[in-house]
Amino acid sequence: MAVKLLNIEIHDGSRHFGDLPQTILWYGLRKHIKKLDGAKITDFVTDHVTEAWIDFSYREHQFSINDQLGAYWFFVHDPRCSDKILEEVLSHCAEPLTFHHV
């Protein structure tokens, strides 16, 4: 699936590189990320009501996902991470988000 990369610099120096619709719950997305070969969940924080943060590493880079206004926002800690890696992450996560409904 073709994905559109964003290049929004965040105040902490990270890069907001993508948005996808929140069509599955946090736990489903976290489970799907584990299927990305080489990805490792490093943290998961949620209030079980309004939001969650999923942190993971992949190909020597650190990523975070947060849900905002019905969408998942994707961040990479190092803004110099290659677009190829960002596309791999976003494309992998797009699979369950574009074919399921809450």
C-alpha atoms as a PDB file:
ATOM      1  CA  MET A   1       0.000   0.000   0.000  1.00  0.00           C
ATOM      2  CA  ALA A   2       1.337   3.439  -0.918  1.00  0.00           C
ATOM      3  CA  VAL A   3       1.613   5.746   2.080  1.00  0.00           C
ATOM      4  CA  LYS A   4       2.109   9.491   2.284  1.00  0.00           C
ATOM      5  CA  LEU A   5       4.989  10.618   4.469  1.00  0.00           C
ATOM      6  CA  LEU A   6       4.763  13.819   6.460  1.00  0.00           C
ATOM      7  CA  ASN A   7       7.722  15.913   7.550  1.00  0.00           C
ATOM      8  CA  ILE A   8       6.551  17.837  10.603  1.00  0.00           C
ATOM      9  CA  GLU A   9       9.239  18.766  13.101  1.00  0.00           C
ATOM     10  CA  ILE A  10       8.106  18.443  16.720  1.00  0.00           C
ATOM     11  CA  HIS A  11       9.418  20.646  19.553  1.00  0.00           C
ATOM     12  CA  ASP A  12      11.394  17.740  21.044  1.00  0.00           C
ATOM     13  CA  GLY A  13      13.270  17.292  17.743  1.00  0.00           C
ATOM     14  CA  SER A  14      11.369  14.214  16.587  1.00  0.00           C
ATOM     15  CA  ARG A  15       9.566  13.945  13.249  1.00  0.00           C
ATOM     16  CA  HIS A  16       5.819  13.406  12.839  1.00  0.00           C
ATOM     17  CA  PHE A  17       5.977  11.286   9.697  1.00  0.00           C
ATOM     18  CA  GLY A  18       2.509   9.858   9.224  1.00  0.00           C
ATOM     19  CA  ASP A  19      -1.166   9.659  10.125  1.00  0.00           C
ATOM     20  CA  LEU A  20      -3.474   6.675   9.717  1.00  0.00           C
ATOM     21  CA  PRO A  21      -7.148   6.265  10.668  1.00  0.00           C
ATOM     22  CA  GLN A  22      -7.813   4.733  14.077  1.00  0.00           C
ATOM     23  CA  THR A  23      -9.980   1.862  12.874  1.00  0.00           C
ATOM     24  CA  ILE A  24      -8.714  -0.714  15.396  1.00  0.00           C
ATOM     25  CA  LEU A  25      -7.987  -0.316  19.093  1.00  0.00           C
ATOM     26  CA  TRP A  26      -4.529   0.279  20.567  1.00  0.00           C
ATOM     27  CA  TYR A  27      -4.053  -3.335  21.609  1.00  0.00           C
ATOM     28  CA  GLY A  28      -4.682  -4.555  18.070  1.00  0.00           C
ATOM     29  CA  LEU A  29      -2.165  -2.120  16.614  1.00  0.00           C
ATOM     30  CA  ARG A  30       0.418  -3.028  19.255  1.00  0.00           C
ATOM     31  CA  LYS A  31      -0.052  -6.722  18.421  1.00  0.00           C
ATOM     32  CA  HIS A  32       0.335  -5.991  14.696  1.00  0.00           C
ATOM     33  CA  ILE A  33       3.563  -4.011  15.224  1.00  0.00           C
ATOM     34  CA  LYS A  34       5.064  -7.123  16.853  1.00  0.00           C
ATOM     35  CA  LYS A  35       4.627  -8.868  13.473  1.00  0.00           C
ATOM     36  CA  LEU A  36       6.993  -6.388  11.770  1.00  0.00           C
ATOM     37  CA  ASP A  37      10.201  -8.399  11.485  1.00  0.00           C
ATOM     38  CA  GLY A  38      12.771  -6.809  13.782  1.00  0.00           C
ATOM     39  CA  ALA A  39      10.343  -4.518  15.641  1.00  0.00           C
ATOM     40  CA  LYS A  40      10.352  -4.595  19.440  1.00  0.00           C
ATOM     41  CA  ILE A  41       7.750  -2.923  21.669  1.00  0.00           C
ATOM     42  CA  THR A  42       9.663  -0.867  24.251  1.00  0.00           C
ATOM     43  CA  ASP A  43       6.769   0.798  26.110  1.00  0.00           C
ATOM     44  CA  PHE A  44       2.994   1.018  26.099  1.00  0.00           C
ATOM     45  CA  VAL A  45       1.102   3.580  28.145  1.00  0.00           C
ATOM     46  CA  THR A  46      -2.656   4.063  28.159  1.00  0.00           C
ATOM     47  CA  ASP A  47      -5.361   5.430  30.412  1.00  0.00           C
ATOM     48  CA  HIS A  48      -7.686   2.745  28.934  1.00  0.00           C
ATOM     49  CA  VAL A  49     -10.167   5.461  27.929  1.00  0.00           C
ATOM     50  CA  THR A  50      -8.921   8.354  25.849  1.00  0.00           C
ATOM     51  CA  GLU A  51      -5.408   7.761  24.585  1.00  0.00           C
ATOM     52  CA  ALA A  52      -2.379   5.529  24.326  1.00  0.00           C
ATOM     53  CA  TRP A  53       1.295   5.743  23.423  1.00  0.00           C
ATOM     54  CA  ILE A  54       3.006   2.789  21.763  1.00  0.00           C
ATOM     55  CA  ASP A  55       6.808   2.976  21.695  1.00  0.00           C
ATOM     56  CA  PHE A  56       8.924   0.549  19.697  1.00  0.00           C
ATOM     57  CA  SER A  57      12.297   0.133  18.075  1.00  0.00           C
ATOM     58  CA  TYR A  58      12.859  -0.942  14.486  1.00  0.00           C
ATOM     59  CA  ARG A  59      16.061  -1.067  12.442  1.00  0.00           C
ATOM     60  CA  GLU A  60      18.006   0.826  15.118  1.00  0.00           C
ATOM     61  CA  HIS A  61      15.465   3.674  15.362  1.00  0.00           C
ATOM     62  CA  GLN A  62      12.955   4.610  18.059  1.00  0.00           C
ATOM     63  CA  PHE A  63       9.308   5.202  17.165  1.00  0.00           C
ATOM     64  CA  SER A  64       6.188   6.367  18.979  1.00  0.00           C
ATOM     65  CA  ILE A  65       2.542   6.187  18.018  1.00  0.00           C
ATOM     66  CA  ASN A  66      -0.191   8.246  19.680  1.00  0.00           C
ATOM     67  CA  ASP A  67      -3.886   8.415  18.936  1.00  0.00           C
ATOM     68  CA  GLN A  68      -5.339  11.867  18.284  1.00  0.00           C
ATOM     69  CA  LEU A  69      -8.771  12.891  17.024  1.00  0.00           C
ATOM     70  CA  GLY A  70      -9.595   9.493  15.503  1.00  0.00           C
ATOM     71  CA  ALA A  71      -6.175   8.940  13.944  1.00  0.00           C
ATOM     72  CA  TYR A  72      -2.875   7.347  14.880  1.00  0.00           C
ATOM     73  CA  TRP A  73       0.049   9.769  14.654  1.00  0.00           C
ATOM     74  CA  PHE A  74       3.478   8.268  13.935  1.00  0.00           C
ATOM     75  CA  PHE A  75       6.732   9.770  15.209  1.00  0.00           C
ATOM     76  CA  VAL A  76      10.386   8.856  14.784  1.00  0.00           C
ATOM     77  CA  HIS A  77      12.832  10.160  17.383  1.00  0.00           C
ATOM     78  CA  ASP A  78      15.630  10.745  14.845  1.00  0.00           C
ATOM     79  CA  PRO A  79      14.312  13.030  12.078  1.00  0.00           C
ATOM     80  CA  ARG A  80      17.166  11.843   9.820  1.00  0.00           C
ATOM     81  CA  CYS A  81      15.740   8.301   9.688  1.00  0.00           C
ATOM     82  CA  SER A  82      15.495   7.249   6.051  1.00  0.00           C
ATOM     83  CA  ASP A  83      12.173   7.585   4.266  1.00  0.00           C
ATOM     84  CA  LYS A  84      12.482   3.920   3.251  1.00  0.00           C
ATOM     85  CA  ILE A  85      12.332   2.808   6.900  1.00  0.00           C
ATOM     86  CA  LEU A  86       9.474   5.222   7.628  1.00  0.00           C
ATOM     87  CA  GLU A  87       7.543   3.861   4.643  1.00  0.00           C
ATOM     88  CA  GLU A  88       8.115   0.292   5.892  1.00  0.00           C
ATOM     89  CA  VAL A  89       6.669   1.155   9.318  1.00  0.00           C
ATOM     90  CA  LEU A  90       3.719   3.122   7.958  1.00  0.00           C
ATOM     91  CA  SER A  91       2.882   0.551   5.270  1.00  0.00           C
ATOM     92  CA  HIS A  92       2.992  -2.287   7.793  1.00  0.00           C
ATOM     93  CA  CYS A  93       0.707  -0.430  10.201  1.00  0.00           C
ATOM     94  CA  ALA A  94      -1.667   0.597   7.400  1.00  0.00           C
ATOM     95  CA  GLU A  95      -2.585  -3.055   6.707  1.00  0.00           C
ATOM     96  CA  PRO A  96      -4.988  -3.592   9.632  1.00  0.00           C
ATOM     97  CA  LEU A  97      -6.037   0.059   9.833  1.00  0.00           C
ATOM     98  CA  THR A  98      -7.391   0.246   6.304  1.00  0.00           C
ATOM     99  CA  PHE A  99      -9.310  -3.038   6.363  1.00  0.00           C
ATOM    100  CA  HIS A 100     -10.992  -3.044   9.808  1.00  0.00           C
ATOM    101  CA  HIS A 101     -13.596  -0.907  11.471  1.00  0.00           C
ATOM    102  CA  VAL A 102     -14.106  -0.127  15.152  1.00  0.00           C
END
